[in-house]
């Protein structure tokens, strides 16, 4: 599903703003297990002229993740750590 959405965004992107730099594989750890998928990375220019690499699906879906861990899993880890005693 994520890869299909990435393909749709690839066709709809502004090619003058986002230069295709190929695909990258990634894995996100979630409370339901690991999710592996490939997505395209694009090179763009920031307002200050510097180059940046972006993933359009991440931006479009406002994917919240801390490193490669979903925020839901990070919250569960934090609750487990703070809720248990050190004794």
PDB file of N, CA and C in Angstrom:
ATOM      1  N   UNK A   1       0.821  -1.176   0.000  1.00  0.00           N
ATOM      2  CA  UNK A   1       0.000   0.000   0.000  1.00  0.00           C
ATOM      3  C   UNK A   1       0.886   1.269   0.000  1.00  0.00           C
ATOM      4  N   UNK A   2       1.924   1.285   0.854  1.00  0.00           N
ATOM      5  CA  UNK A   2       2.828   2.438   0.899  1.00  0.00           C
ATOM      6  C   UNK A   2       3.574   2.612  -0.424  1.00  0.00           C
ATOM      7  N   UNK A   3       3.977   1.512  -1.023  1.00  0.00           N
ATOM      8  CA  UNK A   3       4.701   1.593  -2.290  1.00  0.00           C
ATOM      9  C   UNK A   3       3.794   2.073  -3.419  1.00  0.00           C
ATOM     10  N   UNK A   4       2.518   1.681  -3.403  1.00  0.00           N
ATOM     11  CA  UNK A   4       1.565   2.162  -4.410  1.00  0.00           C
ATOM     12  C   UNK A   4       1.344   3.663  -4.267  1.00  0.00           C
ATOM     13  N   UNK A   5       1.239   4.124  -3.034  1.00  0.00           N
ATOM     14  CA  UNK A   5       1.062   5.552  -2.782  1.00  0.00           C
ATOM     15  C   UNK A   5       2.300   6.331  -3.233  1.00  0.00           C
ATOM     16  N   UNK A   6       3.469   5.772  -3.003  1.00  0.00           N
ATOM     17  CA  UNK A   6       4.713   6.393  -3.449  1.00  0.00           C
ATOM     18  C   UNK A   6       4.735   6.520  -4.970  1.00  0.00           C
ATOM     19  N   UNK A   7       4.283   5.478  -5.678  1.00  0.00           N
ATOM     20  CA  UNK A   7       4.242   5.510  -7.146  1.00  0.00           C
ATOM     21  C   UNK A   7       3.288   6.600  -7.633  1.00  0.00           C
ATOM     22  N   UNK A   8       2.164   6.757  -6.963  1.00  0.00           N
ATOM     23  CA  UNK A   8       1.200   7.811  -7.327  1.00  0.00           C
ATOM     24  C   UNK A   8       1.823   9.192  -7.138  1.00  0.00           C
ATOM     25  N   UNK A   9       2.499   9.396  -6.010  1.00  0.00           N
ATOM     26  CA  UNK A   9       3.152  10.674  -5.743  1.00  0.00           C
ATOM     27  C   UNK A   9       4.271  10.957  -6.747  1.00  0.00           C
ATOM     28  N   UNK A  10       4.948   9.909  -7.201  1.00  0.00           N
ATOM     29  CA  UNK A  10       6.012  10.053  -8.190  1.00  0.00           C
ATOM     30  C   UNK A  10       5.454  10.652  -9.476  1.00  0.00           C
ATOM     31  N   UNK A  11       4.298  10.167  -9.901  1.00  0.00           N
ATOM     32  CA  UNK A  11       3.685  10.664 -11.134  1.00  0.00           C
ATOM     33  C   UNK A  11       3.147  12.085 -10.979  1.00  0.00           C
ATOM     34  N   UNK A  12       2.671  12.431  -9.792  1.00  0.00           N
ATOM     35  CA  UNK A  12       2.026  13.723  -9.565  1.00  0.00           C
ATOM     36  C   UNK A  12       2.988  14.833  -9.117  1.00  0.00           C
ATOM     37  N   UNK A  13       4.220  14.499  -8.801  1.00  0.00           N
ATOM     38  CA  UNK A  13       5.140  15.491  -8.239  1.00  0.00           C
ATOM     39  C   UNK A  13       5.506  16.571  -9.252  1.00  0.00           C
ATOM     40  N   UNK A  14       5.956  17.693  -8.754  1.00  0.00           N
ATOM     41  CA  UNK A  14       6.474  18.773  -9.591  1.00  0.00           C
ATOM     42  C   UNK A  14       7.924  18.415  -9.918  1.00  0.00           C
ATOM     43  N   UNK A  15       8.152  17.967 -11.140  1.00  0.00           N
ATOM     44  CA  UNK A  15       9.470  17.474 -11.534  1.00  0.00           C
ATOM     45  C   UNK A  15      10.530  18.572 -11.548  1.00  0.00           C
ATOM     46  N   UNK A  16      10.103  19.828 -11.601  1.00  0.00           N
ATOM     47  CA  UNK A  16      11.082  20.913 -11.555  1.00  0.00           C
ATOM     48  C   UNK A  16      11.568  21.167 -10.127  1.00  0.00           C
ATOM     49  N   UNK A  17      10.805  20.691  -9.131  1.00  0.00           N
ATOM     50  CA  UNK A  17      11.192  20.864  -7.721  1.00  0.00           C
ATOM     51  C   UNK A  17      11.827  19.629  -7.112  1.00  0.00           C
ATOM     52  N   UNK A  18      11.388  18.445  -7.558  1.00  0.00           N
ATOM     53  CA  UNK A  18      11.830  17.196  -6.943  1.00  0.00           C
ATOM     54  C   UNK A  18      12.524  16.315  -7.979  1.00  0.00           C
ATOM     55  N   UNK A  19      13.844  16.179  -7.841  1.00  0.00           N
ATOM     56  CA  UNK A  19      14.641  15.357  -8.756  1.00  0.00           C
ATOM     57  C   UNK A  19      14.754  13.940  -8.189  1.00  0.00           C
ATOM     58  N   UNK A  20      14.334  12.954  -8.963  1.00  0.00           N
ATOM     59  CA  UNK A  20      14.346  11.550  -8.548  1.00  0.00           C
ATOM     60  C   UNK A  20      15.776  11.065  -8.356  1.00  0.00           C
ATOM     61  N   UNK A  21      16.068  10.526  -7.177  1.00  0.00           N
ATOM     62  CA  UNK A  21      17.404  10.011  -6.865  1.00  0.00           C
ATOM     63  C   UNK A  21      17.385   8.500  -6.603  1.00  0.00           C
ATOM     64  N   UNK A  22      16.311   7.815  -7.012  1.00  0.00           N
ATOM     65  CA  UNK A  22      16.248   6.373  -6.858  1.00  0.00           C
ATOM     66  C   UNK A  22      15.430   5.938  -5.662  1.00  0.00           C
ATOM     67  N   UNK A  23      15.421   4.619  -5.431  1.00  0.00           N
ATOM     68  CA  UNK A  23      14.641   4.047  -4.331  1.00  0.00           C
ATOM     69  C   UNK A  23      15.537   3.654  -3.176  1.00  0.00           C
ATOM     70  N   UNK A  24      14.972   3.717  -1.985  1.00  0.00           N
ATOM     71  CA  UNK A  24      15.653   3.275  -0.767  1.00  0.00           C
ATOM     72  C   UNK A  24      14.697   2.388   0.004  1.00  0.00           C
ATOM     73  N   UNK A  25      15.227   1.354   0.598  1.00  0.00           N
ATOM     74  CA  UNK A  25      14.424   0.465   1.441  1.00  0.00           C
ATOM     75  C   UNK A  25      14.509   0.935   2.878  1.00  0.00           C
ATOM     76  N   UNK A  26      13.428   0.747   3.612  1.00  0.00           N
ATOM     77  CA  UNK A  26      13.405   1.109   5.020  1.00  0.00           C
ATOM     78  C   UNK A  26      12.498   0.151   5.770  1.00  0.00           C
ATOM     79  N   UNK A  27      12.679   0.098   7.065  1.00  0.00           N
ATOM     80  CA  UNK A  27      11.841  -0.714   7.940  1.00  0.00           C
ATOM     81  C   UNK A  27      11.474   0.116   9.150  1.00  0.00           C
ATOM     82  N   UNK A  28      10.187   0.132   9.458  1.00  0.00           N
ATOM     83  CA  UNK A  28       9.699   0.840  10.632  1.00  0.00           C
ATOM     84  C   UNK A  28       9.194  -0.187  11.623  1.00  0.00           C
ATOM     85  N   UNK A  29       9.615  -0.056  12.873  1.00  0.00           N
ATOM     86  CA  UNK A  29       9.128  -0.939  13.931  1.00  0.00           C
ATOM     87  C   UNK A  29       7.839  -0.346  14.496  1.00  0.00           C
ATOM     88  N   UNK A  30       6.788  -1.143  14.519  1.00  0.00           N
ATOM     89  CA  UNK A  30       5.502  -0.696  15.037  1.00  0.00           C
ATOM     90  C   UNK A  30       5.047  -1.647  16.132  1.00  0.00           C
ATOM     91  N   UNK A  31       3.940  -1.325  16.773  1.00  0.00           N
ATOM     92  CA  UNK A  31       3.409  -2.210  17.811  1.00  0.00           C
ATOM     93  C   UNK A  31       2.906  -3.524  17.204  1.00  0.00           C
ATOM     94  N   UNK A  32       2.708  -3.558  15.894  1.00  0.00           N
ATOM     95  CA  UNK A  32       2.238  -4.768  15.216  1.00  0.00           C
ATOM     96  C   UNK A  32       3.367  -5.551  14.565  1.00  0.00           C
ATOM     97  N   UNK A  33       4.596  -5.093  14.710  1.00  0.00           N
ATOM     98  CA  UNK A  33       5.741  -5.753  14.101  1.00  0.00           C
ATOM     99  C   UNK A  33       6.454  -4.809  13.148  1.00  0.00           C
ATOM    100  N   UNK A  34       7.378  -5.360  12.387  1.00  0.00           N
ATOM    101  CA  UNK A  34       8.166  -4.543  11.460  1.00  0.00           C
ATOM    102  C   UNK A  34       7.465  -4.427  10.113  1.00  0.00           C
ATOM    103  N   UNK A  35       7.522  -3.231   9.532  1.00  0.00           N
ATOM    104  CA  UNK A  35       6.958  -2.968   8.212  1.00  0.00           C
ATOM    105  C   UNK A  35       8.105  -2.530   7.313  1.00  0.00           C
ATOM    106  N   UNK A  36       8.404  -3.330   6.291  1.00  0.00           N
ATOM    107  CA  UNK A  36       9.481  -3.016   5.349  1.00  0.00           C
ATOM    108  C   UNK A  36       8.876  -2.588   4.021  1.00  0.00           C
ATOM    109  N   UNK A  37       9.446  -1.559   3.424  1.00  0.00           N
ATOM    110  CA  UNK A  37       8.977  -1.098   2.123  1.00  0.00           C
ATOM    111  C   UNK A  37      10.060  -0.253   1.457  1.00  0.00           C
ATOM    112  N   UNK A  38       9.888  -0.018   0.152  1.00  0.00           N
ATOM    113  CA  UNK A  38      10.802   0.828  -0.614  1.00  0.00           C
ATOM    114  C   UNK A  38      10.069   2.107  -0.976  1.00  0.00           C
ATOM    115  N   UNK A  39      10.817   3.191  -1.014  1.00  0.00           N
ATOM    116  CA  UNK A  39      10.231   4.478  -1.389  1.00  0.00           C
ATOM    117  C   UNK A  39      11.268   5.284  -2.135  1.00  0.00           C
ATOM    118  N   UNK A  40      10.804   6.190  -2.979  1.00  0.00           N
ATOM    119  CA  UNK A  40      11.711   7.030  -3.755  1.00  0.00           C
ATOM    120  C   UNK A  40      12.211   8.184  -2.900  1.00  0.00           C
ATOM    121  N   UNK A  41      13.449   8.555  -3.130  1.00  0.00           N
ATOM    122  CA  UNK A  41      14.026   9.719  -2.473  1.00  0.00           C
ATOM    123  C   UNK A  41      14.230  10.785  -3.548  1.00  0.00           C
ATOM    124  N   UNK A  42      13.967  12.026  -3.184  1.00  0.00           N
ATOM    125  CA  UNK A  42      14.070  13.138  -4.114  1.00  0.00           C
ATOM    126  C   UNK A  42      15.010  14.199  -3.577  1.00  0.00           C
ATOM    127  N   UNK A  43      15.720  14.828  -4.487  1.00  0.00           N
ATOM    128  CA  UNK A  43      16.575  15.961  -4.130  1.00  0.00           C
ATOM    129  C   UNK A  43      15.808  17.229  -4.453  1.00  0.00           C
ATOM    130  N   UNK A  44      15.839  18.182  -3.547  1.00  0.00           N
ATOM    131  CA  UNK A  44      15.184  19.469  -3.739  1.00  0.00           C
ATOM    132  C   UNK A  44      16.075  20.554  -3.157  1.00  0.00           C
ATOM    133  N   UNK A  45      15.727  21.792  -3.430  1.00  0.00           N
ATOM    134  CA  UNK A  45      16.489  22.906  -2.864  1.00  0.00           C
ATOM    135  C   UNK A  45      15.665  23.597  -1.793  1.00  0.00           C
ATOM    136  N   UNK A  46      16.312  23.899  -0.691  1.00  0.00           N
ATOM    137  CA  UNK A  46      15.676  24.637   0.392  1.00  0.00           C
ATOM    138  C   UNK A  46      15.659  26.123   0.049  1.00  0.00           C
ATOM    139  N   UNK A  47      14.834  26.908   0.735  1.00  0.00           N
ATOM    140  CA  UNK A  47      14.775  28.352   0.450  1.00  0.00           C
ATOM    141  C   UNK A  47      16.132  29.053   0.535  1.00  0.00           C
ATOM    142  N   UNK A  48      17.028  28.534   1.380  1.00  0.00           N
ATOM    143  CA  UNK A  48      18.354  29.169   1.503  1.00  0.00           C
ATOM    144  C   UNK A  48      19.353  28.670   0.452  1.00  0.00           C
ATOM    145  N   UNK A  49      18.887  27.818  -0.479  1.00  0.00           N
ATOM    146  CA  UNK A  49      19.739  27.345  -1.570  1.00  0.00           C
ATOM    147  C   UNK A  49      20.426  26.016  -1.324  1.00  0.00           C
ATOM    148  N   UNK A  50      20.377  25.516  -0.095  1.00  0.00           N
ATOM    149  CA  UNK A  50      21.010  24.218   0.196  1.00  0.00           C
ATOM    150  C   UNK A  50      20.173  23.085  -0.384  1.00  0.00           C
ATOM    151  N   UNK A  51      20.846  21.968  -0.701  1.00  0.00           N
ATOM    152  CA  UNK A  51      20.161  20.784  -1.206  1.00  0.00           C
ATOM    153  C   UNK A  51      19.637  19.960  -0.030  1.00  0.00           C
ATOM    154  N   UNK A  52      18.494  19.327  -0.239  1.00  0.00           N
ATOM    155  CA  UNK A  52      17.911  18.446   0.774  1.00  0.00           C
ATOM    156  C   UNK A  52      17.346  17.215   0.080  1.00  0.00           C
ATOM    157  N   UNK A  53      17.309  16.115   0.812  1.00  0.00           N
ATOM    158  CA  UNK A  53      16.707  14.887   0.305  1.00  0.00           C
ATOM    159  C   UNK A  53      15.431  14.620   1.091  1.00  0.00           C
ATOM    160  N   UNK A  54      14.352  14.349   0.346  1.00  0.00           N
ATOM    161  CA  UNK A  54      13.046  14.158   0.980  1.00  0.00           C
ATOM    162  C   UNK A  54      12.371  12.908   0.443  1.00  0.00           C
ATOM    163  N   UNK A  55      11.443  12.394   1.246  1.00  0.00           N
ATOM    164  CA  UNK A  55      10.589  11.278   0.865  1.00  0.00           C
ATOM    165  C   UNK A  55       9.165  11.823   0.807  1.00  0.00           C
ATOM    166  N   UNK A  56       8.570  11.856  -0.380  1.00  0.00           N
ATOM    167  CA  UNK A  56       7.246  12.448  -0.533  1.00  0.00           C
ATOM    168  C   UNK A  56       6.159  11.744   0.276  1.00  0.00           C
ATOM    169  N   UNK A  57       6.151  10.409   0.388  1.00  0.00           N
ATOM    170  CA  UNK A  57       5.107   9.779   1.208  1.00  0.00           C
ATOM    171  C   UNK A  57       5.175  10.213   2.679  1.00  0.00           C
ATOM    172  N   UNK A  58       6.385  10.334   3.206  1.00  0.00           N
ATOM    173  CA  UNK A  58       6.542  10.756   4.600  1.00  0.00           C
ATOM    174  C   UNK A  58       5.961  12.148   4.808  1.00  0.00           C
ATOM    175  N   UNK A  59       6.251  13.051   3.865  1.00  0.00           N
ATOM    176  CA  UNK A  59       5.742  14.414   3.982  1.00  0.00           C
ATOM    177  C   UNK A  59       4.229  14.460   3.798  1.00  0.00           C
ATOM    178  N   UNK A  60       3.717  13.725   2.820  1.00  0.00           N
ATOM    179  CA  UNK A  60       2.286  13.753   2.527  1.00  0.00           C
ATOM    180  C   UNK A  60       1.446  13.178   3.664  1.00  0.00           C
ATOM    181  N   UNK A  61       1.972  12.137   4.335  1.00  0.00           N
ATOM    182  CA  UNK A  61       1.215  11.480   5.406  1.00  0.00           C
ATOM    183  C   UNK A  61       1.601  11.976   6.787  1.00  0.00           C
ATOM    184  N   UNK A  62       2.508  12.947   6.857  1.00  0.00           N
ATOM    185  CA  UNK A  62       2.976  13.462   8.151  1.00  0.00           C
ATOM    186  C   UNK A  62       3.362  12.300   9.066  1.00  0.00           C
ATOM    187  N   UNK A  63       4.178  11.394   8.511  1.00  0.00           N
ATOM    188  CA  UNK A  63       4.563  10.191   9.254  1.00  0.00           C
ATOM    189  C   UNK A  63       5.383  10.581  10.474  1.00  0.00           C
ATOM    190  N   UNK A  64       4.824  10.259  11.630  1.00  0.00           N
ATOM    191  CA  UNK A  64       5.502  10.530  12.885  1.00  0.00           C
ATOM    192  C   UNK A  64       6.275   9.291  13.296  1.00  0.00           C
ATOM    193  N   UNK A  65       7.577   9.422  13.294  1.00  0.00           N
ATOM    194  CA  UNK A  65       8.400   8.318  13.775  1.00  0.00           C
ATOM    195  C   UNK A  65       9.642   8.893  14.410  1.00  0.00           C
ATOM    196  N   UNK A  66      10.133   8.204  15.385  1.00  0.00           N
ATOM    197  CA  UNK A  66      11.352   8.599  16.086  1.00  0.00           C
ATOM    198  C   UNK A  66      12.416   7.625  15.616  1.00  0.00           C
ATOM    199  N   UNK A  67      13.308   8.091  14.778  1.00  0.00           N
ATOM    200  CA  UNK A  67      14.263   7.176  14.161  1.00  0.00           C
ATOM    201  C   UNK A  67      13.467   6.221  13.285  1.00  0.00           C
ATOM    202  N   UNK A  68      13.553   4.974  13.536  1.00  0.00           N
ATOM    203  CA  UNK A  68      12.794   3.991  12.772  1.00  0.00           C
ATOM    204  C   UNK A  68      11.754   3.291  13.650  1.00  0.00           C
ATOM    205  N   UNK A  69      11.292   3.978  14.684  1.00  0.00           N
ATOM    206  CA  UNK A  69      10.271   3.432  15.586  1.00  0.00           C
ATOM    207  C   UNK A  69       9.053   4.339  15.509  1.00  0.00           C
ATOM    208  N   UNK A  70       7.878   3.755  15.357  1.00  0.00           N
ATOM    209  CA  UNK A  70       6.662   4.566  15.307  1.00  0.00           C
ATOM    210  C   UNK A  70       6.451   5.260  16.652  1.00  0.00           C
ATOM    211  N   UNK A  71       5.764   6.387  16.624  1.00  0.00           N
ATOM    212  CA  UNK A  71       5.534   7.123  17.879  1.00  0.00           C
ATOM    213  C   UNK A  71       4.690   6.317  18.847  1.00  0.00           C
ATOM    214  N   UNK A  72       3.778   5.503  18.344  1.00  0.00           N
ATOM    215  CA  UNK A  72       2.961   4.667  19.230  1.00  0.00           C
ATOM    216  C   UNK A  72       3.838   3.686  19.995  1.00  0.00           C
ATOM    217  N   UNK A  73       4.767   3.044  19.298  1.00  0.00           N
ATOM    218  CA  UNK A  73       5.671   2.106  19.962  1.00  0.00           C
ATOM    219  C   UNK A  73       6.579   2.847  20.937  1.00  0.00           C
ATOM    220  N   UNK A  74       7.082   4.014  20.556  1.00  0.00           N
ATOM    221  CA  UNK A  74       7.939   4.800  21.449  1.00  0.00           C
ATOM    222  C   UNK A  74       7.185   5.179  22.722  1.00  0.00           C
ATOM    223  N   UNK A  75       5.913   5.549  22.595  1.00  0.00           N
ATOM    224  CA  UNK A  75       5.100   5.882  23.769  1.00  0.00           C
ATOM    225  C   UNK A  75       4.925   4.665  24.676  1.00  0.00           C
ATOM    226  N   UNK A  76       4.680   3.498  24.081  1.00  0.00           N
ATOM    227  CA  UNK A  76       4.516   2.276  24.880  1.00  0.00           C
ATOM    228  C   UNK A  76       5.815   1.922  25.604  1.00  0.00           C
ATOM    229  N   UNK A  77       6.949   2.093  24.937  1.00  0.00           N
ATOM    230  CA  UNK A  77       8.241   1.827  25.567  1.00  0.00           C
ATOM    231  C   UNK A  77       8.447   2.787  26.735  1.00  0.00           C
ATOM    232  N   UNK A  78       8.168   4.064  26.515  1.00  0.00           N
ATOM    233  CA  UNK A  78       8.342   5.069  27.572  1.00  0.00           C
ATOM    234  C   UNK A  78       7.438   4.763  28.768  1.00  0.00           C
ATOM    235  N   UNK A  79       6.199   4.360  28.523  1.00  0.00           N
ATOM    236  CA  UNK A  79       5.287   4.027  29.629  1.00  0.00           C
ATOM    237  C   UNK A  79       5.788   2.805  30.399  1.00  0.00           C
ATOM    238  N   UNK A  80       6.301   1.817  29.679  1.00  0.00           N
ATOM    239  CA  UNK A  80       6.795   0.610  30.340  1.00  0.00           C
ATOM    240  C   UNK A  80       8.023   0.919  31.188  1.00  0.00           C
ATOM    241  N   UNK A  81       8.912   1.747  30.669  1.00  0.00           N
ATOM    242  CA  UNK A  81      10.138   2.089  31.394  1.00  0.00           C
ATOM    243  C   UNK A  81       9.834   2.933  32.616  1.00  0.00           C
ATOM    244  N   UNK A  82       8.983   3.932  32.469  1.00  0.00           N
ATOM    245  CA  UNK A  82       8.685   4.822  33.602  1.00  0.00           C
ATOM    246  C   UNK A  82       7.747   4.197  34.607  1.00  0.00           C
ATOM    247  N   UNK A  83       7.018   3.178  34.195  1.00  0.00           N
ATOM    248  CA  UNK A  83       6.066   2.538  35.095  1.00  0.00           C
ATOM    249  C   UNK A  83       6.652   1.397  35.914  1.00  0.00           C
ATOM    250  N   UNK A  84       7.849   0.936  35.559  1.00  0.00           N
ATOM    251  CA  UNK A  84       8.447  -0.165  36.309  1.00  0.00           C
ATOM    252  C   UNK A  84       9.498   0.363  37.282  1.00  0.00           C
ATOM    253  N   UNK A  85       9.665  -0.375  38.367  1.00  0.00           N
ATOM    254  CA  UNK A  85      10.640   0.056  39.376  1.00  0.00           C
ATOM    255  C   UNK A  85      12.022  -0.458  39.008  1.00  0.00           C
ATOM    256  N   UNK A  86      13.037   0.181  39.566  1.00  0.00           N
ATOM    257  CA  UNK A  86      14.420  -0.214  39.297  1.00  0.00           C
ATOM    258  C   UNK A  86      14.910  -1.271  40.287  1.00  0.00           C
ATOM    259  N   UNK A  87      14.102  -1.683  41.202  1.00  0.00           N
ATOM    260  CA  UNK A  87      14.517  -2.648  42.219  1.00  0.00           C
ATOM    261  C   UNK A  87      14.379  -4.057  41.743  1.00  0.00           C
TER     262      UNK A  87
END
